[in-house]
PDB file of N, CA and C in Angstrom:
ATOM      1  N   UNK A   1      58.424 119.996  79.304  1.00  0.00           N
ATOM      2  CA  UNK A   1      57.324 118.946  79.247  1.00  0.00           C
ATOM      3  C   UNK A   1      58.857 117.800  79.180  1.00  0.00           C
ATOM      4  N   UNK A   2      60.208 118.244  78.454  1.00  0.00           N
ATOM      5  CA  UNK A   2      60.760 116.958  78.471  1.00  0.00           C
ATOM      6  C   UNK A   2      61.928 117.121  79.549  1.00  0.00           C
ATOM      7  N   UNK A   3      61.891 117.584  80.057  1.00  0.00           N
ATOM      8  CA  UNK A   3      63.122 117.990  81.860  1.00  0.00           C
ATOM      9  C   UNK A   3      61.954 118.128  82.327  1.00  0.00           C
ATOM     10  N   UNK A   4      60.183 117.974  82.801  1.00  0.00           N
ATOM     11  CA  UNK A   4      60.091 117.158  84.051  1.00  0.00           C
ATOM     12  C   UNK A   4      59.912 114.715  83.100  1.00  0.00           C
ATOM     13  N   UNK A   5      60.172 115.170  82.212  1.00  0.00           N
ATOM     14  CA  UNK A   5      60.392 113.316  82.402  1.00  0.00           C
ATOM     15  C   UNK A   5      60.656 113.650  82.247  1.00  0.00           C
ATOM     16  N   UNK A   6      62.966 113.497  82.381  1.00  0.00           N
ATOM     17  CA  UNK A   6      63.396 112.998  82.935  1.00  0.00           C
ATOM     18  C   UNK A   6      63.729 113.655  84.744  1.00  0.00           C
ATOM     19  N   UNK A   7      63.547 114.216  84.686  1.00  0.00           N
ATOM     20  CA  UNK A   7      62.835 114.929  86.375  1.00  0.00           C
ATOM     21  C   UNK A   7      62.295 113.582  87.161  1.00  0.00           C
ATOM     22  N   UNK A   8      61.350 113.137  86.375  1.00  0.00           N
ATOM     23  CA  UNK A   8      60.773 112.433  87.116  1.00  0.00           C
ATOM     24  C   UNK A   8      61.137 110.403  86.109  1.00  0.00           C
ATOM     25  N   UNK A   9      61.392 110.010  85.837  1.00  0.00           N
ATOM     26  CA  UNK A   9      62.727 109.510  85.183  1.00  0.00           C
ATOM     27  C   UNK A   9      63.524 109.329  86.108  1.00  0.00           C
ATOM     28  N   UNK A  10      64.619 109.654  86.877  1.00  0.00           N
ATOM     29  CA  UNK A  10      65.732 110.123  87.647  1.00  0.00           C
ATOM     30  C   UNK A  10      64.868 108.796  88.867  1.00  0.00           C
ATOM     31  N   UNK A  11      63.488 110.275  89.362  1.00  0.00           N
ATOM     32  CA  UNK A  11      63.408 109.861  90.819  1.00  0.00           C
ATOM     33  C   UNK A  11      62.318 109.176  90.621  1.00  0.00           C
ATOM     34  N   UNK A  12      62.391 107.948  89.691  1.00  0.00           N
ATOM     35  CA  UNK A  12      61.569 106.498  89.699  1.00  0.00           C
ATOM     36  C   UNK A  12      62.693 105.123  89.791  1.00  0.00           C
ATOM     37  N   UNK A  13      64.436 105.356  89.942  1.00  0.00           N
ATOM     38  CA  UNK A  13      64.876 104.922  89.352  1.00  0.00           C
ATOM     39  C   UNK A  13      64.898 103.578  90.629  1.00  0.00           C
ATOM     40  N   UNK A  14      65.435 102.901  90.663  1.00  0.00           N
ATOM     41  CA  UNK A  14      65.572 102.556  91.824  1.00  0.00           C
ATOM     42  C   UNK A  14      67.153 101.814  91.714  1.00  0.00           C
ATOM     43  N   UNK A  15      67.757 101.939  93.467  1.00  0.00           N
ATOM     44  CA  UNK A  15      68.673 101.375  93.527  1.00  0.00           C
ATOM     45  C   UNK A  15      69.290 100.466  92.643  1.00  0.00           C
ATOM     46  N   UNK A  16      70.896 101.027  92.522  1.00  0.00           N
ATOM     47  CA  UNK A  16      70.925  99.361  91.843  1.00  0.00           C
ATOM     48  C   UNK A  16      71.389  98.360  92.996  1.00  0.00           C
ATOM     49  N   UNK A  17      71.100  97.105  92.909  1.00  0.00           N
ATOM     50  CA  UNK A  17      71.462  95.835  93.975  1.00  0.00           C
ATOM     51  C   UNK A  17      72.843  95.816  94.245  1.00  0.00           C
ATOM     52  N   UNK A  18      73.206  96.089  93.408  1.00  0.00           N
ATOM     53  CA  UNK A  18      75.501  95.218  93.295  1.00  0.00           C
ATOM     54  C   UNK A  18      75.465  96.666  93.530  1.00  0.00           C
ATOM     55  N   UNK A  19      76.612  97.045  93.534  1.00  0.00           N
ATOM     56  CA  UNK A  19      77.998  97.884  93.195  1.00  0.00           C
ATOM     57  C   UNK A  19      78.895  97.884  92.510  1.00  0.00           C
ATOM     58  N   UNK A  20      79.565  98.487  91.347  1.00  0.00           N
ATOM     59  CA  UNK A  20      80.488  98.321  90.374  1.00  0.00           C
ATOM     60  C   UNK A  20      81.262  97.110  90.534  1.00  0.00           C
ATOM     61  N   UNK A  21      81.724  97.164  91.873  1.00  0.00           N
ATOM     62  CA  UNK A  21      82.784  96.061  92.253  1.00  0.00           C
ATOM     63  C   UNK A  21      82.435  94.620  92.686  1.00  0.00           C
ATOM     64  N   UNK A  22      81.376  94.959  92.272  1.00  0.00           N
ATOM     65  CA  UNK A  22      80.637  93.272  93.280  1.00  0.00           C
ATOM     66  C   UNK A  22      79.498  92.853  91.548  1.00  0.00           C
ATOM     67  N   UNK A  23      79.911  93.658  90.916  1.00  0.00           N
ATOM     68  CA  UNK A  23      80.095  93.689  89.476  1.00  0.00           C
ATOM     69  C   UNK A  23      81.425  92.923  88.195  1.00  0.00           C
ATOM     70  N   UNK A  24      82.127  93.627  88.651  1.00  0.00           N
ATOM     71  CA  UNK A  24      83.302  93.330  87.891  1.00  0.00           C
ATOM     72  C   UNK A  24      84.313  91.916  88.719  1.00  0.00           C
ATOM     73  N   UNK A  25      83.469  91.189  90.169  1.00  0.00           N
ATOM     74  CA  UNK A  25      83.761  90.048  90.778  1.00  0.00           C
ATOM     75  C   UNK A  25      83.357  90.027  90.503  1.00  0.00           C
ATOM     76  N   UNK A  26      81.906  89.211  90.105  1.00  0.00           N
ATOM     77  CA  UNK A  26      81.323  88.607  89.446  1.00  0.00           C
ATOM     78  C   UNK A  26      82.220  88.136  87.714  1.00  0.00           C
ATOM     79  N   UNK A  27      81.776  89.094  87.552  1.00  0.00           N
ATOM     80  CA  UNK A  27      82.558  88.616  85.659  1.00  0.00           C
ATOM     81  C   UNK A  27      83.983  87.550  86.094  1.00  0.00           C
ATOM     82  N   UNK A  28      84.725  88.432  86.570  1.00  0.00           N
ATOM     83  CA  UNK A  28      86.103  87.596  87.432  1.00  0.00           C
ATOM     84  C   UNK A  28      85.772  86.018  87.480  1.00  0.00           C
ATOM     85  N   UNK A  29      84.869  86.211  88.480  1.00  0.00           N
ATOM     86  CA  UNK A  29      84.317  84.471  89.377  1.00  0.00           C
ATOM     87  C   UNK A  29      83.850  84.735  87.467  1.00  0.00           C
ATOM     88  N   UNK A  30      83.583  84.295  87.276  1.00  0.00           N
ATOM     89  CA  UNK A  30      82.712  83.346  85.330  1.00  0.00           C
ATOM     90  C   UNK A  30      83.838  82.712  84.717  1.00  0.00           C
ATOM     91  N   UNK A  31      84.587  84.353  84.706  1.00  0.00           N
ATOM     92  CA  UNK A  31      85.595  83.524  83.680  1.00  0.00           C
ATOM     93  C   UNK A  31      86.844  82.792  84.185  1.00  0.00           C
ATOM     94  N   UNK A  32      86.744  82.711  85.740  1.00  0.00           N
ATOM     95  CA  UNK A  32      87.682  81.695  86.019  1.00  0.00           C
ATOM     96  C   UNK A  32      87.090  80.417  86.191  1.00  0.00           C
ATOM     97  N   UNK A  33      85.769  80.150  86.357  1.00  0.00           N
ATOM     98  CA  UNK A  33      85.178  79.208  86.374  1.00  0.00           C
ATOM     99  C   UNK A  33      85.361  78.286  83.789  1.00  0.00           C
ATOM    100  N   UNK A  34      85.251  79.369  83.650  1.00  0.00           N
ATOM    101  CA  UNK A  34      85.405  78.474  81.883  1.00  0.00           C
ATOM    102  C   UNK A  34      86.965  78.553  81.976  1.00  0.00           C
ATOM    103  N   UNK A  35      87.970  79.530  82.014  1.00  0.00           N
ATOM    104  CA  UNK A  35      88.856  79.972  81.621  1.00  0.00           C
ATOM    105  C   UNK A  35      88.963  77.654  82.935  1.00  0.00           C
ATOM    106  N   UNK A  36      88.937  77.790  83.905  1.00  0.00           N
ATOM    107  CA  UNK A  36      89.006  76.137  84.273  1.00  0.00           C
ATOM    108  C   UNK A  36      89.108  75.465  83.823  1.00  0.00           C
ATOM    109  N   UNK A  37      87.657  75.401  83.624  1.00  0.00           N
ATOM    110  CA  UNK A  37      86.838  74.251  83.100  1.00  0.00           C
ATOM    111  C   UNK A  37      87.307  74.373  81.382  1.00  0.00           C
ATOM    112  N   UNK A  38      87.872  74.774  80.197  1.00  0.00           N
ATOM    113  CA  UNK A  38      88.004  75.244  79.192  1.00  0.00           C
ATOM    114  C   UNK A  38      89.827  74.743  79.007  1.00  0.00           C
ATOM    115  N   UNK A  39      90.284  74.701  80.019  1.00  0.00           N
ATOM    116  CA  UNK A  39      92.163  74.085  80.418  1.00  0.00           C
ATOM    117  C   UNK A  39      91.700  72.548  80.737  1.00  0.00           C
ATOM    118  N   UNK A  40      90.327  72.340  81.669  1.00  0.00           N
ATOM    119  CA  UNK A  40      90.087  71.020  81.901  1.00  0.00           C
ATOM    120  C   UNK A  40      89.966  69.613  79.756  1.00  0.00           C
ATOM    121  N   UNK A  41      89.624  70.787  79.789  1.00  0.00           N
ATOM    122  CA  UNK A  41      88.996  70.149  77.899  1.00  0.00           C
ATOM    123  C   UNK A  41      89.945  69.886  77.743  1.00  0.00           C
ATOM    124  N   UNK A  42      90.306  70.923  76.747  1.00  0.00           N
ATOM    125  CA  UNK A  42      91.747  71.722  76.179  1.00  0.00           C
ATOM    126  C   UNK A  42      92.669  70.076  76.253  1.00  0.00           C
ATOM    127  N   UNK A  43      93.333  70.279  77.806  1.00  0.00           N
ATOM    128  CA  UNK A  43      94.120  69.163  78.152  1.00  0.00           C
ATOM    129  C   UNK A  43      94.175  67.790  77.644  1.00  0.00           C
ATOM    130  N   UNK A  44      92.752  67.301  78.133  1.00  0.00           N
ATOM    131  CA  UNK A  44      91.960  65.543  77.105  1.00  0.00           C
ATOM    132  C   UNK A  44      92.392  64.636  78.129  1.00  0.00           C
ATOM    133  N   UNK A  45      93.783  64.387  79.433  1.00  0.00           N
ATOM    134  CA  UNK A  45      94.468  63.576  80.188  1.00  0.00           C
ATOM    135  C   UNK A  45      93.660  63.316  81.294  1.00  0.00           C
ATOM    136  N   UNK A  46      93.389  61.742  81.993  1.00  0.00           N
ATOM    137  CA  UNK A  46      92.503  62.015  83.086  1.00  0.00           C
ATOM    138  C   UNK A  46      93.714  62.372  83.997  1.00  0.00           C
ATOM    139  N   UNK A  47      94.660  61.928  83.878  1.00  0.00           N
ATOM    140  CA  UNK A  47      96.435  61.926  84.621  1.00  0.00           C
ATOM    141  C   UNK A  47      97.120  63.468  84.188  1.00  0.00           C
ATOM    142  N   UNK A  48      96.072  63.781  83.737  1.00  0.00           N
ATOM    143  CA  UNK A  48      97.531  65.219  83.363  1.00  0.00           C
ATOM    144  C   UNK A  48      97.734  66.124  84.910  1.00  0.00           C
ATOM    145  N   UNK A  49      98.838  66.979  84.652  1.00  0.00           N
ATOM    146  CA  UNK A  49      99.159  68.364  85.600  1.00  0.00           C
ATOM    147  C   UNK A  49      97.688  69.176  85.411  1.00  0.00           C
ATOM    148  N   UNK A  50      97.410  69.404  84.162  1.00  0.00           N
ATOM    149  CA  UNK A  50      96.916  70.415  84.168  1.00  0.00           C
ATOM    150  C   UNK A  50      95.098  70.263  85.562  1.00  0.00           C
ATOM    151  N   UNK A  51      94.678  69.488  84.079  1.00  0.00           N
ATOM    152  CA  UNK A  51      92.917  68.975  84.403  1.00  0.00           C
ATOM    153  C   UNK A  51      93.172  68.237  86.066  1.00  0.00           C
ATOM    154  N   UNK A  52      94.439  67.398  86.308  1.00  0.00           N
ATOM    155  CA  UNK A  52      94.384  67.212  87.747  1.00  0.00           C
ATOM    156  C   UNK A  52      94.744  68.023  89.052  1.00  0.00           C
ATOM    157  N   UNK A  53      95.633  68.735  89.002  1.00  0.00           N
ATOM    158  CA  UNK A  53      96.151  69.813  90.248  1.00  0.00           C
ATOM    159  C   UNK A  53      95.234  71.829  89.484  1.00  0.00           C
ATOM    160  N   UNK A  54      96.056  72.050  87.784  1.00  0.00           N
ATOM    161  CA  UNK A  54      95.877  73.328  88.333  1.00  0.00           C
ATOM    162  C   UNK A  54      94.701  73.731  87.651  1.00  0.00           C
ATOM    163  N   UNK A  55      92.862  72.856  87.186  1.00  0.00           N
ATOM    164  CA  UNK A  55      91.973  73.288  86.820  1.00  0.00           C
ATOM    165  C   UNK A  55      90.473  73.374  87.678  1.00  0.00           C
ATOM    166  N   UNK A  56      90.878  72.238  88.229  1.00  0.00           N
ATOM    167  CA  UNK A  56      90.459  72.084  89.802  1.00  0.00           C
ATOM    168  C   UNK A  56      90.774  73.164  91.131  1.00  0.00           C
ATOM    169  N   UNK A  57      91.850  73.666  91.214  1.00  0.00           N
ATOM    170  CA  UNK A  57      92.075  75.469  91.697  1.00  0.00           C
ATOM    171  C   UNK A  57      91.538  76.534  91.129  1.00  0.00           C
ATOM    172  N   UNK A  58      91.850  76.974  90.462  1.00  0.00           N
ATOM    173  CA  UNK A  58      90.589  78.297  89.466  1.00  0.00           C
ATOM    174  C   UNK A  58      89.526  78.026  89.869  1.00  0.00           C
ATOM    175  N   UNK A  59      88.970  76.883  89.196  1.00  0.00           N
ATOM    176  CA  UNK A  59      87.148  76.766  89.285  1.00  0.00           C
ATOM    177  C   UNK A  59      87.730  76.522  90.712  1.00  0.00           C
ATOM    178  N   UNK A  60      88.043  76.453  91.659  1.00  0.00           N
ATOM    179  CA  UNK A  60      87.446  76.678  93.237  1.00  0.00           C
ATOM    180  C   UNK A  60      86.946  78.455  93.191  1.00  0.00           C
ATOM    181  N   UNK A  61      88.807  78.551  92.732  1.00  0.00           N
ATOM    182  CA  UNK A  61      88.343  80.763  93.149  1.00  0.00           C
ATOM    183  C   UNK A  61      87.592  80.846  92.061  1.00  0.00           C
ATOM    184  N   UNK A  62      87.527  80.953  91.135  1.00  0.00           N
ATOM    185  CA  UNK A  62      86.123  81.308  90.323  1.00  0.00           C
ATOM    186  C   UNK A  62      84.762  80.955  91.634  1.00  0.00           C
ATOM    187  N   UNK A  63      84.531  79.664  91.854  1.00  0.00           N
ATOM    188  CA  UNK A  63      83.512  79.708  92.758  1.00  0.00           C
ATOM    189  C   UNK A  63      83.473  80.897  93.689  1.00  0.00           C
ATOM    190  N   UNK A  64      84.473  80.641  94.536  1.00  0.00           N
ATOM    191  CA  UNK A  64      84.659  81.480  95.808  1.00  0.00           C
ATOM    192  C   UNK A  64      84.599  83.563  95.314  1.00  0.00           C
ATOM    193  N   UNK A  65      84.958  83.741  93.878  1.00  0.00           N
ATOM    194  CA  UNK A  65      84.893  84.572  93.663  1.00  0.00           C
ATOM    195  C   UNK A  65      83.063  84.896  93.639  1.00  0.00           C
ATOM    196  N   UNK A  66      82.555  84.410  92.920  1.00  0.00           N
ATOM    197  CA  UNK A  66      80.997  84.720  92.727  1.00  0.00           C
ATOM    198  C   UNK A  66      80.748  84.656  93.947  1.00  0.00           C
ATOM    199  N   UNK A  67      80.775  83.400  94.794  1.00  0.00           N
ATOM    200  CA  UNK A  67      79.973  83.674  96.689  1.00  0.00           C
ATOM    201  C   UNK A  67      80.735  85.232  97.061  1.00  0.00           C
ATOM    202  N   UNK A  68      82.000  85.844  97.057  1.00  0.00           N
ATOM    203  CA  UNK A  68      81.865  87.356  97.556  1.00  0.00           C
ATOM    204  C   UNK A  68      80.962  87.822  97.056  1.00  0.00           C
ATOM    205  N   UNK A  69      80.997  88.018  94.911  1.00  0.00           N
ATOM    206  CA  UNK A  69      80.696  89.380  94.864  1.00  0.00           C
ATOM    207  C   UNK A  69      79.376  89.293  95.056  1.00  0.00           C
ATOM    208  N   UNK A  70      79.037  87.715  94.942  1.00  0.00           N
ATOM    209  CA  UNK A  70      76.969  88.299  96.243  1.00  0.00           C
ATOM    210  C   UNK A  70      76.655  88.598  97.377  1.00  0.00           C
ATOM    211  N   UNK A  71      77.592  88.083  98.087  1.00  0.00           N
ATOM    212  CA  UNK A  71      77.417  88.142  99.825  1.00  0.00           C
ATOM    213  C   UNK A  71      78.028  88.666  99.713  1.00  0.00           C
ATOM    214  N   UNK A  72      78.775  89.947  99.767  1.00  0.00           N
ATOM    215  CA  UNK A  72      79.802  91.219  99.849  1.00  0.00           C
ATOM    216  C   UNK A  72      78.855  92.116 100.421  1.00  0.00           C
ATOM    217  N   UNK A  73      78.546  92.833 100.872  1.00  0.00           N
ATOM    218  CA  UNK A  73      77.522  94.205 100.606  1.00  0.00           C
ATOM    219  C   UNK A  73      78.106  95.439 101.399  1.00  0.00           C
ATOM    220  N   UNK A  74      77.959  96.223 100.279  1.00  0.00           N
ATOM    221  CA  UNK A  74      78.857  96.887 100.183  1.00  0.00           C
ATOM    222  C   UNK A  74      78.034  98.851 101.125  1.00  0.00           C
ATOM    223  N   UNK A  75      78.668  98.874 102.547  1.00  0.00           N
ATOM    224  CA  UNK A  75      77.444  99.448 103.278  1.00  0.00           C
ATOM    225  C   UNK A  75      77.764 101.699 102.387  1.00  0.00           C
ATOM    226  N   UNK A  76      79.141 101.741 102.466  1.00  0.00           N
ATOM    227  CA  UNK A  76      79.256 102.743 101.565  1.00  0.00           C
ATOM    228  C   UNK A  76      77.466 102.983 100.426  1.00  0.00           C
ATOM    229  N   UNK A  77      77.140 102.083  99.705  1.00  0.00           N
ATOM    230  CA  UNK A  77      76.508 102.457  98.813  1.00  0.00           C
ATOM    231  C   UNK A  77      74.885 102.601  98.516  1.00  0.00           C
ATOM    232  N   UNK A  78      74.620 102.148 100.220  1.00  0.00           N
ATOM    233  CA  UNK A  78      73.587 102.270 101.036  1.00  0.00           C
ATOM    234  C   UNK A  78      73.200 103.546 101.489  1.00  0.00           C
ATOM    235  N   UNK A  79      74.598 103.963 102.300  1.00  0.00           N
ATOM    236  CA  UNK A  79      74.036 105.383 102.603  1.00  0.00           C
ATOM    237  C   UNK A  79      73.465 105.872 101.772  1.00  0.00           C
ATOM    238  N   UNK A  80      74.417 106.259 100.229  1.00  0.00           N
ATOM    239  CA  UNK A  80      74.159 106.996  99.043  1.00  0.00           C
ATOM    240  C   UNK A  80      73.183 107.088  99.248  1.00  0.00           C
ATOM    241  N   UNK A  81      73.350 106.143  99.108  1.00  0.00           N
ATOM    242  CA  UNK A  81      71.508 106.189  98.125  1.00  0.00           C
ATOM    243  C   UNK A  81      70.000 106.607  99.289  1.00  0.00           C
ATOM    244  N   UNK A  82      70.423 106.106 100.195  1.00  0.00           N
ATOM    245  CA  UNK A  82      69.113 106.806 101.398  1.00  0.00           C
ATOM    246  C   UNK A  82      69.518 107.990 101.607  1.00  0.00           C
ATOM    247  N   UNK A  83      70.650 108.904 101.645  1.00  0.00           N
ATOM    248  CA  UNK A  83      70.582 109.515 101.457  1.00  0.00           C
ATOM    249  C   UNK A  83      69.883 110.860 100.461  1.00  0.00           C
ATOM    250  N   UNK A  84      69.595 110.160  99.390  1.00  0.00           N
ATOM    251  CA  UNK A  84      69.397 110.927  97.950  1.00  0.00           C
ATOM    252  C   UNK A  84      67.831 110.985  97.666  1.00  0.00           C
ATOM    253  N   UNK A  85      67.158 109.686  98.839  1.00  0.00           N
ATOM    254  CA  UNK A  85      65.673 110.031  99.187  1.00  0.00           C
ATOM    255  C   UNK A  85      64.725 111.220 100.163  1.00  0.00           C
TER     256      UNK A  85
END
């Protein structure tokens, strides 16, 4: 009975939308955005070097990483899931 339940639960699983690489890049992008805004808040100067030059670059890098993580499709992951069906 238990073996049949485990077999059915594996068969009914839907494939993951993203690969592990996508999740790692998404987490990195969100971390960069948080670090960029935190650095801008900590310096608290309008004409400061960090808040004027470094933080916007870090924030934009974070946004680019998030966009790449969402849009990049790993072609190897879809063929592996198609073969298991």
